[in-house]
Protein backbone atom coordinates (compact mmCIF):
# COMPACT_ATOMS: atom_id res chain seq x y z
CA UNK A 1 0.01 -0.04 -0.01
CA UNK A 2 1.32 3.42 -1.02
CA UNK A 3 2.16 5.86 1.82
CA UNK A 4 1.63 9.59 2.38
CA UNK A 5 4.44 10.64 4.75
CA UNK A 6 4.21 13.79 6.85
CA UNK A 7 7.35 15.15 8.44
CA UNK A 8 6.45 16.50 11.94
CA UNK A 9 8.31 19.65 12.87
CA UNK A 10 9.21 19.99 16.66
CA UNK A 11 10.16 23.15 18.47
CA UNK A 12 11.22 23.03 22.08
CA UNK A 13 9.70 19.63 22.45
CA UNK A 14 6.31 20.71 21.05
CA UNK A 15 4.74 19.68 17.77
CA UNK A 16 4.11 22.61 15.47
CA UNK A 17 0.49 23.16 14.73
CA UNK A 18 1.24 23.65 11.03
CA UNK A 19 2.63 20.04 10.84
CA UNK A 20 -0.59 18.79 12.35
CA UNK A 21 -2.53 20.68 9.66
CA UNK A 22 -0.49 18.85 6.97
CA UNK A 23 -0.93 15.50 8.64
CA UNK A 24 -4.69 16.07 8.82
CA UNK A 25 -4.79 16.70 5.10
CA UNK A 26 -2.74 13.60 4.36
CA UNK A 27 -5.01 11.50 6.62
CA UNK A 28 -7.96 12.79 4.52
CA UNK A 29 -6.33 11.96 1.23
CA UNK A 30 -5.18 8.53 2.47
CA UNK A 31 -8.79 7.62 3.44
CA UNK A 32 -10.17 8.96 0.20
CA UNK A 33 -7.65 7.00 -1.96
CA UNK A 34 -7.14 3.95 0.09
CA UNK A 35 -3.59 4.71 1.08
CA UNK A 36 -1.61 4.71 4.31
CA UNK A 37 -0.93 7.94 6.19
CA UNK A 38 2.33 7.94 8.15
CA UNK A 39 4.26 10.50 10.23
CA UNK A 40 8.00 10.94 10.72
CA UNK A 41 9.57 12.42 13.79
CA UNK A 42 13.32 13.22 13.90
CA UNK A 43 14.44 14.40 17.33
CA UNK A 44 16.82 13.86 20.19
CA UNK A 45 13.88 12.23 22.03
CA UNK A 46 10.94 11.57 19.73
CA UNK A 47 8.92 9.39 22.23
CA UNK A 48 6.74 12.13 23.87
CA UNK A 49 5.91 13.66 20.40
CA UNK A 50 5.08 10.20 19.09
CA UNK A 51 2.67 9.53 22.01
CA UNK A 52 0.94 12.86 21.41
CA UNK A 53 0.70 12.22 17.63
CA UNK A 54 -1.42 9.11 18.22
CA UNK A 55 -4.46 11.36 18.67
CA UNK A 56 -4.00 12.89 15.20
CA UNK A 57 -4.56 9.86 12.94
CA UNK A 58 -1.43 8.37 11.39
CA UNK A 59 -1.46 4.65 11.09
CA UNK A 60 2.35 4.47 11.54
CA UNK A 61 4.73 6.78 13.33
CA UNK A 62 8.36 6.52 12.23
CA UNK A 63 11.01 7.87 14.56
CA UNK A 64 14.64 8.70 14.31
CA UNK A 65 16.51 9.38 17.55
CA UNK A 66 19.90 11.00 17.87
CA UNK A 67 21.43 13.63 20.14
CA UNK A 68 22.50 15.59 17.08
CA UNK A 69 18.96 16.76 16.63
CA UNK A 70 18.91 18.81 19.79
CA UNK A 71 19.09 21.82 17.43
CA UNK A 72 18.14 22.32 13.79
CA UNK A 73 21.19 21.41 11.58
CA UNK A 74 20.71 20.94 7.87
CA UNK A 75 23.37 18.34 7.22
CA UNK A 76 22.18 15.62 9.67
CA UNK A 77 18.55 16.36 9.00
CA UNK A 78 18.98 15.99 5.27
CA UNK A 79 20.80 12.66 5.84
CA UNK A 80 18.11 11.41 8.25
CA UNK A 81 15.24 12.41 5.89
CA UNK A 82 16.95 10.77 2.94
CA UNK A 83 17.46 7.60 4.98
CA UNK A 84 13.86 7.56 6.16
CA UNK A 85 12.29 8.23 2.77
CA UNK A 86 14.42 5.57 0.96
CA UNK A 87 13.34 3.01 3.57
CA UNK A 88 9.64 3.96 3.72
CA UNK A 89 9.34 4.56 -0.01
CA UNK A 90 6.37 6.99 0.22
CA UNK A 91 4.36 8.37 -2.65
CA UNK A 92 4.40 11.89 -1.13
CA UNK A 93 6.63 13.54 1.51
CA UNK A 94 4.77 16.59 2.98
CA UNK A 95 6.16 19.30 5.21
CA UNK A 96 4.69 22.36 6.84
CA UNK A 97 6.20 25.42 5.15
CA UNK A 98 8.56 26.67 7.87
CA UNK A 99 11.99 28.35 7.88
CA UNK A 100 13.50 24.95 8.42
CA UNK A 101 11.70 23.19 5.57
CA UNK A 102 12.50 26.02 3.20
CA UNK A 103 16.18 25.50 3.97
CA UNK A 104 16.19 21.85 3.01
CA UNK A 105 13.41 21.29 0.40
CA UNK A 106 15.56 21.76 -2.69
CA UNK A 107 18.49 19.70 -1.35
CA UNK A 108 16.18 16.85 -0.22
CA UNK A 109 14.47 16.76 -3.58
CA UNK A 110 17.80 16.64 -5.35
CA UNK A 111 19.07 13.83 -3.04
CA UNK A 112 15.90 11.81 -3.82
CA UNK A 113 15.75 12.77 -7.56
CA UNK A 114 12.23 13.90 -6.76
CA UNK A 115 9.97 16.65 -7.92
CA UNK A 116 9.32 19.47 -5.46
CA UNK A 117 6.36 21.81 -4.85
CA UNK A 118 6.95 24.69 -2.42
CA UNK A 119 4.55 26.73 -0.31
CA UNK A 120 1.25 25.11 -1.46
CA UNK A 121 -2.05 26.50 -0.29
CA UNK A 122 -3.88 23.35 -1.31
CA UNK A 123 -2.92 20.01 -2.76
CA UNK A 124 -4.52 16.81 -4.01
CA UNK A 125 -3.36 13.55 -5.58
CA UNK A 126 -3.40 12.64 -9.25
CA UNK A 127 -2.85 9.28 -10.91
CA UNK A 128 0.84 9.81 -11.18
CA UNK A 129 1.68 12.67 -8.85
CA UNK A 130 0.35 15.74 -7.04
CA UNK A 131 -1.51 18.85 -8.20
CA UNK A 132 -2.52 21.93 -6.32
CA UNK A 133 -2.29 25.70 -5.96
CA UNK A 134 0.21 28.10 -4.57
CA UNK A 135 0.13 31.86 -4.13
CA UNK A 136 2.79 33.92 -6.04
CA UNK A 137 3.68 37.58 -6.43
CA UNK A 138 2.75 38.44 -2.84
CA UNK A 139 -0.46 36.36 -3.12
CA UNK A 140 -1.82 38.56 -5.93
CA UNK A 141 -1.90 35.53 -8.23
CA UNK A 142 -2.81 31.90 -7.47
CA UNK A 143 -0.77 29.55 -9.60
CA UNK A 144 -1.98 26.05 -10.51
CA UNK A 145 0.95 23.54 -10.28
CA UNK A 146 1.48 19.82 -10.84
CA UNK A 147 4.35 17.41 -10.30
CA UNK A 148 4.63 13.81 -11.54
CA UNK A 149 6.71 10.95 -10.18
CA UNK A 150 7.45 9.23 -6.92
CA UNK A 151 8.02 10.67 -4.44
CA UNK A 152 6.79 14.22 -4.71
CA UNK A 153 8.22 16.43 -1.97
CA UNK A 154 6.05 19.42 -1.00
CA UNK A 155 5.53 22.11 1.67
CA UNK A 156 2.26 23.48 2.75
CA UNK A 157 1.42 26.99 3.93
CA UNK A 158 0.35 27.39 7.52
CA UNK A 159 -3.41 27.74 7.85
CA UNK A 160 -4.28 26.04 4.65
CA UNK A 161 -6.00 23.19 6.42
CA UNK A 162 -7.69 22.62 9.80
CA UNK A 163 -6.25 20.35 12.45
CA UNK A 164 -8.50 17.29 12.84
CA UNK A 165 -8.06 14.99 15.90
CA UNK A 166 -8.42 11.36 15.14
CA UNK A 167 -7.51 8.78 17.84
CA UNK A 168 -5.76 5.84 16.31
CA UNK A 169 -3.88 2.80 17.57
CA UNK A 170 -0.74 3.93 15.74
CA UNK A 171 2.33 1.67 15.61
CA UNK A 172 5.70 3.27 16.33
CA UNK A 173 8.64 2.10 14.25
CA UNK A 174 12.19 3.24 14.92
CA UNK A 175 14.54 3.79 11.94
CA UNK A 176 18.30 3.18 12.55
CA UNK A 177 20.43 6.22 11.98
CA UNK A 178 24.02 7.06 12.77
CA UNK A 179 25.70 10.42 12.48
CA UNK A 180 29.09 11.66 13.72
CA UNK A 181 29.76 15.28 14.51
CA UNK A 182 32.94 14.76 12.57
CA UNK A 183 30.69 14.98 9.41
CA UNK A 184 29.61 18.44 10.28
CA UNK A 185 31.17 21.34 8.32
CA UNK A 186 28.94 23.90 10.04
CA UNK A 187 28.20 23.79 13.76
CA UNK A 188 25.67 25.64 15.85
CA UNK A 189 27.26 27.21 19.01
CA UNK A 190 24.35 29.07 20.44
CA UNK A 191 20.70 30.24 19.88
CA UNK A 192 19.95 33.69 21.08
CA UNK A 193 16.25 34.36 21.45
CA UNK A 194 14.84 37.91 21.50
CA UNK A 195 12.35 36.96 24.31
CA UNK A 196 12.01 33.61 26.05
CA UNK A 197 8.33 34.25 27.00
CA UNK A 198 7.24 35.64 23.61
CA UNK A 199 4.41 33.69 21.84
CA UNK A 200 5.54 32.09 18.57
CA UNK A 201 3.75 34.08 15.84
CA UNK A 202 3.59 31.08 13.48
CA UNK A 203 1.79 29.01 16.21
CA UNK A 204 -0.37 31.82 17.77
CA UNK A 205 -4.10 31.29 17.85
CA UNK A 206 -4.54 35.12 18.08
CA UNK A 207 -2.26 37.71 16.55
CA UNK A 208 -2.26 41.45 17.18
CA UNK A 209 -0.43 43.29 14.39
CA UNK A 210 0.77 46.92 14.78
CA UNK A 211 1.10 49.21 11.76
CA UNK A 212 2.28 52.63 11.02
CA UNK A 213 -0.66 54.22 13.00
CA UNK A 214 1.02 52.92 16.21
CA UNK A 215 3.21 56.04 16.45
CA UNK A 216 4.75 56.01 19.98
CA UNK A 217 5.21 54.26 23.28
CA UNK A 218 1.59 54.94 24.29
CA UNK A 219 0.43 53.05 21.20
CA UNK A 220 2.81 50.19 21.81
CA UNK A 221 1.55 49.87 25.35
CA UNK A 222 -2.04 49.57 24.08
CA UNK A 223 -0.96 46.82 21.67
CA UNK A 224 0.80 44.96 24.50
CA UNK A 225 -2.20 45.29 26.79
CA UNK A 226 -4.57 43.96 24.04
CA UNK A 227 -2.26 41.10 23.41
CA UNK A 228 -2.13 40.28 27.11
CA UNK A 229 -5.94 40.23 27.46
CA UNK A 230 -6.27 37.93 24.45
CA UNK A 231 -3.11 35.86 25.12
CA UNK A 232 -2.00 36.80 21.60
CA UNK A 233 1.28 37.05 19.78
CA UNK A 234 2.39 40.50 18.68
CA UNK A 235 3.48 41.25 15.14
CA UNK A 236 4.19 44.36 13.15
CA UNK A 237 4.32 45.82 9.71
CA UNK A 238 7.59 46.39 7.89
CA UNK A 239 7.42 50.15 8.52
CA UNK A 240 7.54 49.57 12.28
CA UNK A 241 10.32 46.91 12.34
CA UNK A 242 12.45 48.98 9.95
CA UNK A 243 11.95 52.04 12.11
CA UNK A 244 13.06 50.19 15.24
CA UNK A 245 9.71 50.21 17.11
CA UNK A 246 9.58 46.39 16.98
CA UNK A 247 12.14 43.62 16.55
CA UNK A 248 12.61 42.55 12.93
CA UNK A 249 11.66 38.95 13.91
CA UNK A 250 8.11 40.21 14.44
CA UNK A 251 7.55 41.43 10.89
CA UNK A 252 4.62 39.91 9.15
CA UNK A 253 4.48 39.86 5.40
CA UNK A 254 6.06 38.67 2.21
CA UNK A 255 9.60 39.27 3.50
CA UNK A 256 8.66 38.41 7.18
CA UNK A 257 6.66 35.80 8.86
CA UNK A 258 3.47 34.15 7.47
CA UNK A 259 0.85 33.75 10.09
CA UNK A 260 -2.52 32.01 10.06
CA UNK A 261 -4.22 32.55 13.43
CA UNK A 262 -7.86 31.95 14.28
CA UNK A 263 -8.04 35.71 15.00
CA UNK A 264 -5.98 38.44 13.49
CA UNK A 265 -6.42 42.04 14.69
CA UNK A 266 -4.64 44.65 12.52
CA UNK A 267 -4.23 47.95 14.37
CA UNK A 268 -3.21 51.00 12.32
CA UNK A 269 -2.32 48.79 9.37
CA UNK A 270 -3.27 50.06 5.91
CA UNK A 271 -3.15 46.61 4.33
CA UNK A 272 -0.40 46.95 1.71
CA UNK A 273 -0.08 43.80 -0.43
CA UNK A 274 3.34 43.04 1.07
CA UNK A 275 1.76 42.68 4.51
CA UNK A 276 -1.40 40.95 3.27
CA UNK A 277 0.79 38.20 1.78
CA UNK A 278 1.77 37.25 5.36
CA UNK A 279 -1.71 37.13 6.98
CA UNK A 280 -4.33 36.40 4.35
CA UNK A 281 -4.90 32.89 5.63
CA UNK A 282 -6.15 34.14 8.98
CA UNK A 283 -9.47 32.67 9.81
CA UNK A 284 -11.08 35.90 11.10
CA UNK A 285 -9.61 39.28 10.29
CA UNK A 286 -10.44 42.41 12.28
CA UNK A 287 -9.16 45.80 11.10
CA UNK A 288 -8.91 49.04 13.19
CA UNK A 289 -7.94 52.05 11.16
CA UNK A 290 -8.95 55.71 11.00
CA UNK A 291 -8.85 55.77 7.20
CA UNK A 292 -12.15 54.30 5.88
CA UNK A 293 -10.54 53.71 2.46
CA UNK A 294 -7.61 51.65 3.81
CA UNK A 295 -7.21 48.50 1.70
CA UNK A 296 -7.20 46.28 4.82
CA UNK A 297 -10.98 46.71 4.97
CA UNK A 298 -11.35 44.96 1.67
CA UNK A 299 -10.23 41.70 3.23
CA UNK A 300 -11.45 42.16 6.75
CA UNK A 301 -14.35 40.20 8.26
CA UNK A 302 -14.96 43.03 10.72
CA UNK A 303 -13.81 46.60 10.48
CA UNK A 304 -13.70 49.50 12.94
CA UNK A 305 -13.02 53.02 11.60
CA UNK A 306 -11.54 55.23 14.26
CA UNK A 307 -8.34 56.53 15.94
CA UNK A 308 -6.72 53.57 17.65
CA UNK A 309 -5.76 55.79 20.63
CA UNK A 310 -9.49 56.42 21.17
CA UNK A 311 -10.75 52.96 20.05
CA UNK A 312 -8.50 50.60 21.90
CA UNK A 313 -8.96 51.65 25.60
CA UNK A 314 -12.73 51.01 25.70
CA UNK A 315 -12.25 47.96 23.44
CA UNK A 316 -9.73 46.45 25.87
CA UNK A 317 -12.03 47.23 28.83
CA UNK A 318 -14.97 45.46 27.17
CA UNK A 319 -12.80 42.40 26.51
CA UNK A 320 -11.70 42.31 30.15
CA UNK A 321 -15.37 42.40 31.26
CA UNK A 322 -16.21 39.53 28.87
CA UNK A 323 -13.32 37.50 30.21
CA UNK A 324 -14.34 38.12 33.82
CA UNK A 325 -17.94 36.94 33.17
């Protein structure tokens, strides 16, 4: 039986939601076409993640365990992925579209002599490959793409599919893998995080994004207070990150992070196409802007026209009352 294989990305011991979205889609396609859905975990200790994964539907969970995977390093990860794929022989190898998968997609496809499809917003199986759609030109155009052969390696945009829990009696199979640090040409000495308690934007259920309208410290305090009430991640437009108001790692957009929260609130953001490319997959979009003609209102589910300095204080207070009740 042919296999659809989902690589499960893990960060700080936690499975990334975007990987579960991809797995849910592969489960759906496997059931539809009479195939097997499998998952692959590569980590220094894959056992906890494998146990968690049993509630999300794969029939088989493959694991590769090695201390070298304490941090993301391309060389051992590529070798481990190539080893696993050659052993499992899947029809499709699917990844969430993350910084890590973007690093290795081309090299992995070359190692496997496989076709590659990047940053898909939807995908389906054909008789001899995979077809689907991907946004291009800052999401202004949706391109129809198709790849033939076995395997097809692809990455899927965060937010393209819902996570569906599906309790299964998954088997767990270990794949032998050896790697010596002597094989490394590049080593990772240290990871410096901007903030240890910051909510990961790519995983956040709620995102508050600050735009050019957030002009000063008072505005940034209102954004922080709103984020605290909603337990939200904070992002920003390119104008604010380039101006130094927010860390560059918080930029949302074509040249920044792509987010797909359940709720996105854009405060003082006009809605330039560069920014929209990074948040268009949000489930519910709320826009707060004093310009009634701002492009953000064209894609917003809910819009509030007004000065954020006057709108946010009562808005925050009402949210606090709702939470208390």
